[in-house]
Amino acid sequence: MSPGPRRRTLNDVEREYDDEHIAWEPANHLPPDALRMGLNRSVPDGALLDFAGSLDGSKPLHKATAWVMLVVFGMPVLGYVWRLADTVWTAITP
C-alpha cells in the first residue's frame, strides 16, 4: 500500500508564489539604485520616482505630464543659474 500523495505544506505554497506578483500590491517602478538607497513609495522622493517611472512614453498625456514635471523641477535650477550668472557678472564688471 502506497502512502498516498504528499500533503502540501506552507513552505511549498510560499515557494510556488515567491516570484509572482501579488495582485493587491501596486507595481514597483523604482530603479534598483533607488531601492538600494532605501527609497520606496512611502517617502516623497521615492513616490516621485515611482510616479515618473510609471509614465508610458507611448501615451500623449503621459508625455505631456513628463514635460510639465521637467519644467516644474527645472525652473528653480534655471533661476539659480540665472541669479549666479547675474552675481558673477556684476562682480566682474565695474
PDB file of N, CA and C in Angstrom:
ATOM      1  N   MET A   1       0.829  -1.175   0.000  1.00  0.00           N
ATOM      2  CA  MET A   1       0.000   0.000   0.000  1.00  0.00           C
ATOM      3  C   MET A   1       0.884   1.253   0.000  1.00  0.00           C
ATOM      4  N   SER A   2       0.587   2.147  -0.926  1.00  0.00           N
ATOM      5  CA  SER A   2       1.387   3.362  -1.020  1.00  0.00           C
ATOM      6  C   SER A   2       0.875   4.396  -0.013  1.00  0.00           C
ATOM      7  N   PRO A   3       1.772   5.262   0.412  1.00  0.00           N
ATOM      8  CA  PRO A   3       1.380   6.239   1.427  1.00  0.00           C
ATOM      9  C   PRO A   3       0.437   7.312   0.887  1.00  0.00           C
ATOM     10  N   GLY A   4       0.224   7.403  -0.401  1.00  0.00           N
ATOM     11  CA  GLY A   4      -0.676   8.410  -0.966  1.00  0.00           C
ATOM     12  C   GLY A   4       0.072   9.686  -1.309  1.00  0.00           C
ATOM     13  N   PRO A   5      -0.639  10.648  -1.817  1.00  0.00           N
ATOM     14  CA  PRO A   5       0.035  11.897  -2.186  1.00  0.00           C
ATOM     15  C   PRO A   5       0.525  12.640  -0.940  1.00  0.00           C
ATOM     16  N   ARG A   6       1.647  13.296  -1.134  1.00  0.00           N
ATOM     17  CA  ARG A   6       2.235  14.051  -0.034  1.00  0.00           C
ATOM     18  C   ARG A   6       1.419  15.324   0.203  1.00  0.00           C
ATOM     19  N   ARG A   7       1.192  15.667   1.449  1.00  0.00           N
ATOM     20  CA  ARG A   7       0.458  16.899   1.776  1.00  0.00           C
ATOM     21  C   ARG A   7       1.335  18.102   1.503  1.00  0.00           C
ATOM     22  N   ARG A   8       0.710  19.116   0.946  1.00  0.00           N
ATOM     23  CA  ARG A   8       1.442  20.365   0.693  1.00  0.00           C
ATOM     24  C   ARG A   8       1.547  21.148   1.990  1.00  0.00           C
ATOM     25  N   THR A   9       2.715  21.666   2.238  1.00  0.00           N
ATOM     26  CA  THR A   9       2.922  22.480   3.435  1.00  0.00           C
ATOM     27  C   THR A   9       2.930  23.956   3.040  1.00  0.00           C
ATOM     28  N   LEU A  10       2.964  24.803   4.038  1.00  0.00           N
ATOM     29  CA  LEU A  10       3.004  26.238   3.786  1.00  0.00           C
ATOM     30  C   LEU A  10       4.277  26.624   3.035  1.00  0.00           C
ATOM     31  N   ASN A  11       5.385  25.951   3.328  1.00  0.00           N
ATOM     32  CA  ASN A  11       6.635  26.237   2.625  1.00  0.00           C
ATOM     33  C   ASN A  11       6.507  25.928   1.136  1.00  0.00           C
ATOM     34  N   ASP A  12       5.803  24.864   0.786  1.00  0.00           N
ATOM     35  CA  ASP A  12       5.600  24.529  -0.623  1.00  0.00           C
ATOM     36  C   ASP A  12       4.818  25.633  -1.326  1.00  0.00           C
ATOM     37  N   VAL A  13       3.802  26.128  -0.676  1.00  0.00           N
ATOM     38  CA  VAL A  13       2.979  27.188  -1.267  1.00  0.00           C
ATOM     39  C   VAL A  13       3.797  28.465  -1.399  1.00  0.00           C
ATOM     40  N   GLU A  14       4.598  28.803  -0.391  1.00  0.00           N
ATOM     41  CA  GLU A  14       5.423  30.008  -0.457  1.00  0.00           C
ATOM     42  C   GLU A  14       6.426  29.914  -1.596  1.00  0.00           C
ATOM     43  N   ARG A  15       7.013  28.748  -1.810  1.00  0.00           N
ATOM     44  CA  ARG A  15       7.958  28.576  -2.907  1.00  0.00           C
ATOM     45  C   ARG A  15       7.280  28.764  -4.264  1.00  0.00           C
ATOM     46  N   GLU A  16       6.038  28.347  -4.372  1.00  0.00           N
ATOM     47  CA  GLU A  16       5.326  28.498  -5.637  1.00  0.00           C
ATOM     48  C   GLU A  16       5.055  29.962  -5.965  1.00  0.00           C
ATOM     49  N   TYR A  17       4.791  30.785  -4.973  1.00  0.00           N
ATOM     50  CA  TYR A  17       4.369  32.158  -5.206  1.00  0.00           C
ATOM     51  C   TYR A  17       5.449  33.192  -4.908  1.00  0.00           C
ATOM     52  N   ASP A  18       6.661  32.761  -4.636  1.00  0.00           N
ATOM     53  CA  ASP A  18       7.714  33.723  -4.307  1.00  0.00           C
ATOM     54  C   ASP A  18       7.987  34.707  -5.431  1.00  0.00           C
ATOM     55  N   ASP A  19       8.073  34.234  -6.655  1.00  0.00           N
ATOM     56  CA  ASP A  19       8.460  35.090  -7.765  1.00  0.00           C
ATOM     57  C   ASP A  19       7.283  35.766  -8.451  1.00  0.00           C
ATOM     58  N   GLU A  20       6.071  35.441  -8.082  1.00  0.00           N
ATOM     59  CA  GLU A  20       4.910  36.025  -8.734  1.00  0.00           C
ATOM     60  C   GLU A  20       4.515  37.339  -8.063  1.00  0.00           C
ATOM     61  N   HIS A  21       3.900  38.189  -8.858  1.00  0.00           N
ATOM     62  CA  HIS A  21       3.424  39.472  -8.345  1.00  0.00           C
ATOM     63  C   HIS A  21       2.097  39.260  -7.604  1.00  0.00           C
ATOM     64  N   ILE A  22       1.984  39.832  -6.437  1.00  0.00           N
ATOM     65  CA  ILE A  22       0.751  39.716  -5.671  1.00  0.00           C
ATOM     66  C   ILE A  22      -0.260  40.706  -6.240  1.00  0.00           C
ATOM     67  N   ALA A  23      -1.475  40.257  -6.471  1.00  0.00           N
ATOM     68  CA  ALA A  23      -2.470  41.047  -7.196  1.00  0.00           C
ATOM     69  C   ALA A  23      -2.811  42.357  -6.490  1.00  0.00           C
ATOM     70  N   TRP A  24      -2.825  42.396  -5.191  1.00  0.00           N
ATOM     71  CA  TRP A  24      -3.258  43.608  -4.494  1.00  0.00           C
ATOM     72  C   TRP A  24      -2.106  44.569  -4.231  1.00  0.00           C
ATOM     73  N   GLU A  25      -0.893  44.195  -4.583  1.00  0.00           N
ATOM     74  CA  GLU A  25       0.237  45.105  -4.439  1.00  0.00           C
ATOM     75  C   GLU A  25       0.389  45.929  -5.707  1.00  0.00           C
ATOM     76  N   PRO A  26       0.641  47.238  -5.577  1.00  0.00           N
ATOM     77  CA  PRO A  26       0.888  48.022  -6.783  1.00  0.00           C
ATOM     78  C   PRO A  26       2.241  47.648  -7.380  1.00  0.00           C
ATOM     79  N   ALA A  27       2.372  47.865  -8.658  1.00  0.00           N
ATOM     80  CA  ALA A  27       3.634  47.537  -9.335  1.00  0.00           C
ATOM     81  C   ALA A  27       4.740  48.444  -8.830  1.00  0.00           C
ATOM     82  N   ASN A  28       5.954  47.943  -8.847  1.00  0.00           N
ATOM     83  CA  ASN A  28       7.103  48.701  -8.382  1.00  0.00           C
ATOM     84  C   ASN A  28       7.833  49.249  -9.598  1.00  0.00           C
ATOM     85  N   HIS A  29       7.891  50.573  -9.736  1.00  0.00           N
ATOM     86  CA  HIS A  29       8.537  51.202 -10.878  1.00  0.00           C
ATOM     87  C   HIS A  29       9.835  51.883 -10.485  1.00  0.00           C
ATOM     88  N   LEU A  30      10.358  51.577  -9.316  1.00  0.00           N
ATOM     89  CA  LEU A  30      11.589  52.217  -8.866  1.00  0.00           C
ATOM     90  C   LEU A  30      12.794  51.502  -9.449  1.00  0.00           C
ATOM     91  N   PRO A  31      13.831  52.268  -9.811  1.00  0.00           N
ATOM     92  CA  PRO A  31      15.052  51.624 -10.294  1.00  0.00           C
ATOM     93  C   PRO A  31      15.778  50.908  -9.144  1.00  0.00           C
ATOM     94  N   PRO A  32      16.620  49.941  -9.471  1.00  0.00           N
ATOM     95  CA  PRO A  32      17.327  49.188  -8.412  1.00  0.00           C
ATOM     96  C   PRO A  32      18.177  50.082  -7.510  1.00  0.00           C
ATOM     97  N   ASP A  33      18.768  51.144  -8.068  1.00  0.00           N
ATOM     98  CA  ASP A  33      19.587  52.042  -7.239  1.00  0.00           C
ATOM     99  C   ASP A  33      18.745  52.726  -6.167  1.00  0.00           C
ATOM    100  N   ALA A  34      17.541  53.123  -6.513  1.00  0.00           N
ATOM    101  CA  ALA A  34      16.661  53.779  -5.541  1.00  0.00           C
ATOM    102  C   ALA A  34      16.251  52.795  -4.451  1.00  0.00           C
ATOM    103  N   LEU A  35      15.982  51.567  -4.846  1.00  0.00           N
ATOM    104  CA  LEU A  35      15.635  50.553  -3.838  1.00  0.00           C
ATOM    105  C   LEU A  35      16.813  50.283  -2.914  1.00  0.00           C
ATOM    106  N   ARG A  36      18.015  50.276  -3.475  1.00  0.00           N
ATOM    107  CA  ARG A  36      19.204  50.029  -2.661  1.00  0.00           C
ATOM    108  C   ARG A  36      19.445  51.165  -1.663  1.00  0.00           C
ATOM    109  N   MET A  37      19.040  52.390  -2.036  1.00  0.00           N
ATOM    110  CA  MET A  37      19.180  53.530  -1.126  1.00  0.00           C
ATOM    111  C   MET A  37      18.084  53.562  -0.075  1.00  0.00           C
ATOM    112  N   GLY A  38      17.105  52.685  -0.201  1.00  0.00           N
ATOM    113  CA  GLY A  38      16.041  52.622   0.791  1.00  0.00           C
ATOM    114  C   GLY A  38      14.810  53.423   0.430  1.00  0.00           C
ATOM    115  N   LEU A  39      14.728  53.911  -0.805  1.00  0.00           N
ATOM    116  CA  LEU A  39      13.548  54.657  -1.217  1.00  0.00           C
ATOM    117  C   LEU A  39      12.412  53.696  -1.537  1.00  0.00           C
ATOM    118  N   ASN A  40      11.216  54.095  -1.197  1.00  0.00           N
ATOM    119  CA  ASN A  40      10.018  53.349  -1.585  1.00  0.00           C
ATOM    120  C   ASN A  40       8.903  54.357  -1.793  1.00  0.00           C
ATOM    121  N   ARG A  41       7.713  53.880  -2.107  1.00  0.00           N
ATOM    122  CA  ARG A  41       6.626  54.793  -2.424  1.00  0.00           C
ATOM    123  C   ARG A  41       6.107  55.540  -1.203  1.00  0.00           C
ATOM    124  N   SER A  42       6.602  55.215  -0.007  1.00  0.00           N
ATOM    125  CA  SER A  42       6.124  55.862   1.214  1.00  0.00           C
ATOM    126  C   SER A  42       6.842  57.176   1.516  1.00  0.00           C
ATOM    127  N   VAL A  43       7.991  57.394   0.909  1.00  0.00           N
ATOM    128  CA  VAL A  43       8.731  58.641   1.134  1.00  0.00           C
ATOM    129  C   VAL A  43       8.542  59.537  -0.090  1.00  0.00           C
ATOM    130  N   PRO A  44       8.589  60.856   0.072  1.00  0.00           N
ATOM    131  CA  PRO A  44       8.289  61.755  -1.052  1.00  0.00           C
ATOM    132  C   PRO A  44       9.173  61.535  -2.283  1.00  0.00           C
ATOM    133  N   ASP A  45      10.476  61.390  -2.082  1.00  0.00           N
ATOM    134  CA  ASP A  45      11.355  61.196  -3.239  1.00  0.00           C
ATOM    135  C   ASP A  45      11.069  59.879  -3.945  1.00  0.00           C
ATOM    136  N   GLY A  46      10.820  58.849  -3.170  1.00  0.00           N
ATOM    137  CA  GLY A  46      10.502  57.553  -3.758  1.00  0.00           C
ATOM    138  C   GLY A  46       9.167  57.567  -4.474  1.00  0.00           C
ATOM    139  N   ALA A  47       8.194  58.285  -3.923  1.00  0.00           N
ATOM    140  CA  ALA A  47       6.882  58.375  -4.572  1.00  0.00           C
ATOM    141  C   ALA A  47       6.988  59.108  -5.900  1.00  0.00           C
ATOM    142  N   LEU A  48       7.814  60.152  -5.935  1.00  0.00           N
ATOM    143  CA  LEU A  48       8.002  60.892  -7.178  1.00  0.00           C
ATOM    144  C   LEU A  48       8.705  60.025  -8.224  1.00  0.00           C
ATOM    145  N   LEU A  49       9.725  59.294  -7.804  1.00  0.00           N
ATOM    146  CA  LEU A  49      10.407  58.383  -8.727  1.00  0.00           C
ATOM    147  C   LEU A  49       9.468  57.294  -9.221  1.00  0.00           C
ATOM    148  N   ASP A  50       8.652  56.773  -8.335  1.00  0.00           N
ATOM    149  CA  ASP A  50       7.714  55.725  -8.730  1.00  0.00           C
ATOM    150  C   ASP A  50       6.692  56.273  -9.724  1.00  0.00           C
ATOM    151  N   PHE A  51       6.207  57.487  -9.477  1.00  0.00           N
ATOM    152  CA  PHE A  51       5.248  58.100 -10.399  1.00  0.00           C
ATOM    153  C   PHE A  51       5.882  58.336 -11.764  1.00  0.00           C
ATOM    154  N   ALA A  52       7.086  58.908 -11.769  1.00  0.00           N
ATOM    155  CA  ALA A  52       7.758  59.174 -13.040  1.00  0.00           C
ATOM    156  C   ALA A  52       8.094  57.876 -13.769  1.00  0.00           C
ATOM    157  N   GLY A  53       8.429  56.844 -13.028  1.00  0.00           N
ATOM    158  CA  GLY A  53       8.747  55.560 -13.647  1.00  0.00           C
ATOM    159  C   GLY A  53       7.540  54.855 -14.219  1.00  0.00           C
ATOM    160  N   SER A  54       6.360  55.214 -13.752  1.00  0.00           N
ATOM    161  CA  SER A  54       5.154  54.555 -14.248  1.00  0.00           C
ATOM    162  C   SER A  54       4.590  55.215 -15.501  1.00  0.00           C
ATOM    163  N   LEU A  55       5.167  56.361 -15.909  1.00  0.00           N
ATOM    164  CA  LEU A  55       4.687  57.033 -17.117  1.00  0.00           C
ATOM    165  C   LEU A  55       5.075  56.218 -18.348  1.00  0.00           C
ATOM    166  N   ASP A  56       4.161  56.160 -19.310  1.00  0.00           N
ATOM    167  CA  ASP A  56       4.363  55.399 -20.539  1.00  0.00           C
ATOM    168  C   ASP A  56       4.576  56.380 -21.688  1.00  0.00           C
ATOM    169  N   GLY A  57       5.733  56.299 -22.333  1.00  0.00           N
ATOM    170  CA  GLY A  57       6.080  57.242 -23.392  1.00  0.00           C
ATOM    171  C   GLY A  57       5.214  57.149 -24.631  1.00  0.00           C
ATOM    172  N   SER A  58       4.472  56.079 -24.782  1.00  0.00           N
ATOM    173  CA  SER A  58       3.628  55.948 -25.971  1.00  0.00           C
ATOM    174  C   SER A  58       2.277  56.651 -25.815  1.00  0.00           C
ATOM    175  N   LYS A  59       1.981  57.120 -24.624  1.00  0.00           N
ATOM    176  CA  LYS A  59       0.707  57.806 -24.381  1.00  0.00           C
ATOM    177  C   LYS A  59       0.937  59.320 -24.362  1.00  0.00           C
ATOM    178  N   PRO A  60       0.175  60.075 -25.162  1.00  0.00           N
ATOM    179  CA  PRO A  60       0.382  61.530 -25.247  1.00  0.00           C
ATOM    180  C   PRO A  60       0.211  62.256 -23.907  1.00  0.00           C
ATOM    181  N   LEU A  61      -0.760  61.848 -23.113  1.00  0.00           N
ATOM    182  CA  LEU A  61      -0.970  62.509 -21.825  1.00  0.00           C
ATOM    183  C   LEU A  61       0.217  62.266 -20.887  1.00  0.00           C
ATOM    184  N   HIS A  62       0.801  61.097 -20.966  1.00  0.00           N
ATOM    185  CA  HIS A  62       1.961  60.803 -20.133  1.00  0.00           C
ATOM    186  C   HIS A  62       3.163  61.635 -20.587  1.00  0.00           C
ATOM    187  N   LYS A  63       3.298  61.824 -21.895  1.00  0.00           N
ATOM    188  CA  LYS A  63       4.385  62.678 -22.392  1.00  0.00           C
ATOM    189  C   LYS A  63       4.205  64.113 -21.914  1.00  0.00           C
ATOM    190  N   ALA A  64       2.973  64.608 -21.980  1.00  0.00           N
ATOM    191  CA  ALA A  64       2.697  65.974 -21.507  1.00  0.00           C
ATOM    192  C   ALA A  64       2.986  66.089 -20.017  1.00  0.00           C
ATOM    193  N   THR A  65       2.624  65.078 -19.261  1.00  0.00           N
ATOM    194  CA  THR A  65       2.903  65.080 -17.823  1.00  0.00           C
ATOM    195  C   THR A  65       4.400  65.115 -17.560  1.00  0.00           C
ATOM    196  N   ALA A  66       5.159  64.357 -18.333  1.00  0.00           N
ATOM    197  CA  ALA A  66       6.618  64.350 -18.164  1.00  0.00           C
ATOM    198  C   ALA A  66       7.211  65.715 -18.487  1.00  0.00           C
ATOM    199  N   TRP A  67       6.714  66.374 -19.531  1.00  0.00           N
ATOM    200  CA  TRP A  67       7.203  67.709 -19.864  1.00  0.00           C
ATOM    201  C   TRP A  67       6.854  68.727 -18.780  1.00  0.00           C
ATOM    202  N   VAL A  68       5.665  68.637 -18.240  1.00  0.00           N
ATOM    203  CA  VAL A  68       5.273  69.541 -17.153  1.00  0.00           C
ATOM    204  C   VAL A  68       6.171  69.313 -15.933  1.00  0.00           C
ATOM    205  N   MET A  69       6.429  68.054 -15.625  1.00  0.00           N
ATOM    206  CA  MET A  69       7.325  67.763 -14.495  1.00  0.00           C
ATOM    207  C   MET A  69       8.724  68.304 -14.750  1.00  0.00           C
ATOM    208  N   LEU A  70       9.199  68.176 -15.982  1.00  0.00           N
ATOM    209  CA  LEU A  70      10.525  68.693 -16.324  1.00  0.00           C
ATOM    210  C   LEU A  70      10.585  70.203 -16.136  1.00  0.00           C
ATOM    211  N   VAL A  71       9.549  70.903 -16.575  1.00  0.00           N
ATOM    212  CA  VAL A  71       9.514  72.360 -16.416  1.00  0.00           C
ATOM    213  C   VAL A  71       9.429  72.733 -14.940  1.00  0.00           C
ATOM    214  N   VAL A  72       8.560  72.061 -14.194  1.00  0.00           N
ATOM    215  CA  VAL A  72       8.372  72.391 -12.779  1.00  0.00           C
ATOM    216  C   VAL A  72       9.650  72.177 -11.982  1.00  0.00           C
ATOM    217  N   PHE A  73      10.356  71.087 -12.254  1.00  0.00           N
ATOM    218  CA  PHE A  73      11.575  70.820 -11.497  1.00  0.00           C
ATOM    219  C   PHE A  73      12.802  71.499 -12.089  1.00  0.00           C
ATOM    220  N   GLY A  74      12.717  71.925 -13.339  1.00  0.00           N
ATOM    221  CA  GLY A  74      13.844  72.601 -13.962  1.00  0.00           C
ATOM    222  C   GLY A  74      13.869  74.093 -13.733  1.00  0.00           C
ATOM    223  N   MET A  75      12.723  74.717 -13.513  1.00  0.00           N
ATOM    224  CA  MET A  75      12.676  76.171 -13.341  1.00  0.00           C
ATOM    225  C   MET A  75      13.496  76.666 -12.146  1.00  0.00           C
ATOM    226  N   PRO A  76      13.437  76.045 -10.983  1.00  0.00           N
ATOM    227  CA  PRO A  76      14.286  76.533  -9.878  1.00  0.00           C
ATOM    228  C   PRO A  76      15.777  76.446 -10.205  1.00  0.00           C
ATOM    229  N   VAL A  77      16.175  75.424 -10.932  1.00  0.00           N
ATOM    230  CA  VAL A  77      17.587  75.290 -11.313  1.00  0.00           C
ATOM    231  C   VAL A  77      17.968  76.415 -12.273  1.00  0.00           C
ATOM    232  N   LEU A  78      17.133  76.671 -13.266  1.00  0.00           N
ATOM    233  CA  LEU A  78      17.421  77.760 -14.195  1.00  0.00           C
ATOM    234  C   LEU A  78      17.429  79.113 -13.488  1.00  0.00           C
ATOM    235  N   GLY A  79      16.513  79.303 -12.531  1.00  0.00           N
ATOM    236  CA  GLY A  79      16.514  80.547 -11.756  1.00  0.00           C
ATOM    237  C   GLY A  79      17.780  80.722 -10.946  1.00  0.00           C
ATOM    238  N   TYR A  80      18.267  79.634 -10.358  1.00  0.00           N
ATOM    239  CA  TYR A  80      19.503  79.709  -9.588  1.00  0.00           C
ATOM    240  C   TYR A  80      20.684  80.025 -10.494  1.00  0.00           C
ATOM    241  N   VAL A  81      20.761  79.374 -11.648  1.00  0.00           N
ATOM    242  CA  VAL A  81      21.862  79.629 -12.583  1.00  0.00           C
ATOM    243  C   VAL A  81      21.799  81.067 -13.073  1.00  0.00           C
ATOM    244  N   TRP A  82      20.604  81.564 -13.343  1.00  0.00           N
ATOM    245  CA  TRP A  82      20.451  82.952 -13.786  1.00  0.00           C
ATOM    246  C   TRP A  82      20.944  83.920 -12.705  1.00  0.00           C
ATOM    247  N   ARG A  83      20.541  83.660 -11.461  1.00  0.00           N
ATOM    248  CA  ARG A  83      20.976  84.531 -10.355  1.00  0.00           C
ATOM    249  C   ARG A  83      22.492  84.455 -10.151  1.00  0.00           C
ATOM    250  N   LEU A  84      23.052  83.262 -10.264  1.00  0.00           N
ATOM    251  CA  LEU A  84      24.503  83.094 -10.118  1.00  0.00           C
ATOM    252  C   LEU A  84      25.242  83.834 -11.224  1.00  0.00           C
ATOM    253  N   ALA A  85      24.754  83.719 -12.467  1.00  0.00           N
ATOM    254  CA  ALA A  85      25.390  84.421 -13.579  1.00  0.00           C
ATOM    255  C   ALA A  85      25.285  85.933 -13.382  1.00  0.00           C
ATOM    256  N   ASP A  86      24.161  86.419 -12.894  1.00  0.00           N
ATOM    257  CA  ASP A  86      23.998  87.850 -12.639  1.00  0.00           C
ATOM    258  C   ASP A  86      24.955  88.319 -11.553  1.00  0.00           C
ATOM    259  N   THR A  87      25.107  87.531 -10.514  1.00  0.00           N
ATOM    260  CA  THR A  87      26.035  87.893  -9.424  1.00  0.00           C
ATOM    261  C   THR A  87      27.466  87.939  -9.916  1.00  0.00           C
ATOM    262  N   VAL A  88      27.864  86.956 -10.690  1.00  0.00           N
ATOM    263  CA  VAL A  88      29.217  86.920 -11.226  1.00  0.00           C
ATOM    264  C   VAL A  88      29.428  88.079 -12.196  1.00  0.00           C
ATOM    265  N   TRP A  89      28.430  88.357 -13.027  1.00  0.00           N
ATOM    266  CA  TRP A  89      28.556  89.459 -13.994  1.00  0.00           C
ATOM    267  C   TRP A  89      28.700  90.806 -13.282  1.00  0.00           C
ATOM    268  N   THR A  90      27.927  91.027 -12.247  1.00  0.00           N
ATOM    269  CA  THR A  90      28.024  92.308 -11.532  1.00  0.00           C
ATOM    270  C   THR A  90      29.328  92.378 -10.738  1.00  0.00           C
ATOM    271  N   ALA A  91      29.909  91.254 -10.354  1.00  0.00           N
ATOM    272  CA  ALA A  91      31.165  91.274  -9.603  1.00  0.00           C
ATOM    273  C   ALA A  91      32.343  91.563 -10.508  1.00  0.00           C
ATOM    274  N   ILE A  92      32.283  91.140 -11.768  1.00  0.00           N
ATOM    275  CA  ILE A  92      33.444  91.332 -12.637  1.00  0.00           C
ATOM    276  C   ILE A  92      33.371  92.628 -13.465  1.00  0.00           C
ATOM    277  N   THR A  93      32.208  93.243 -13.527  1.00  0.00           N
ATOM    278  CA  THR A  93      32.096  94.497 -14.267  1.00  0.00           C
ATOM    279  C   THR A  93      32.013  95.666 -13.287  1.00  0.00           C
ATOM    280  N   PRO A  94      32.745  96.742 -13.602  1.00  0.00           N
ATOM    281  CA  PRO A  94      32.758  97.891 -12.677  1.00  0.00           C
ATOM    282  C   PRO A  94      31.485  98.716 -12.700  1.00  0.00           C
TER     283      PRO A  94
END
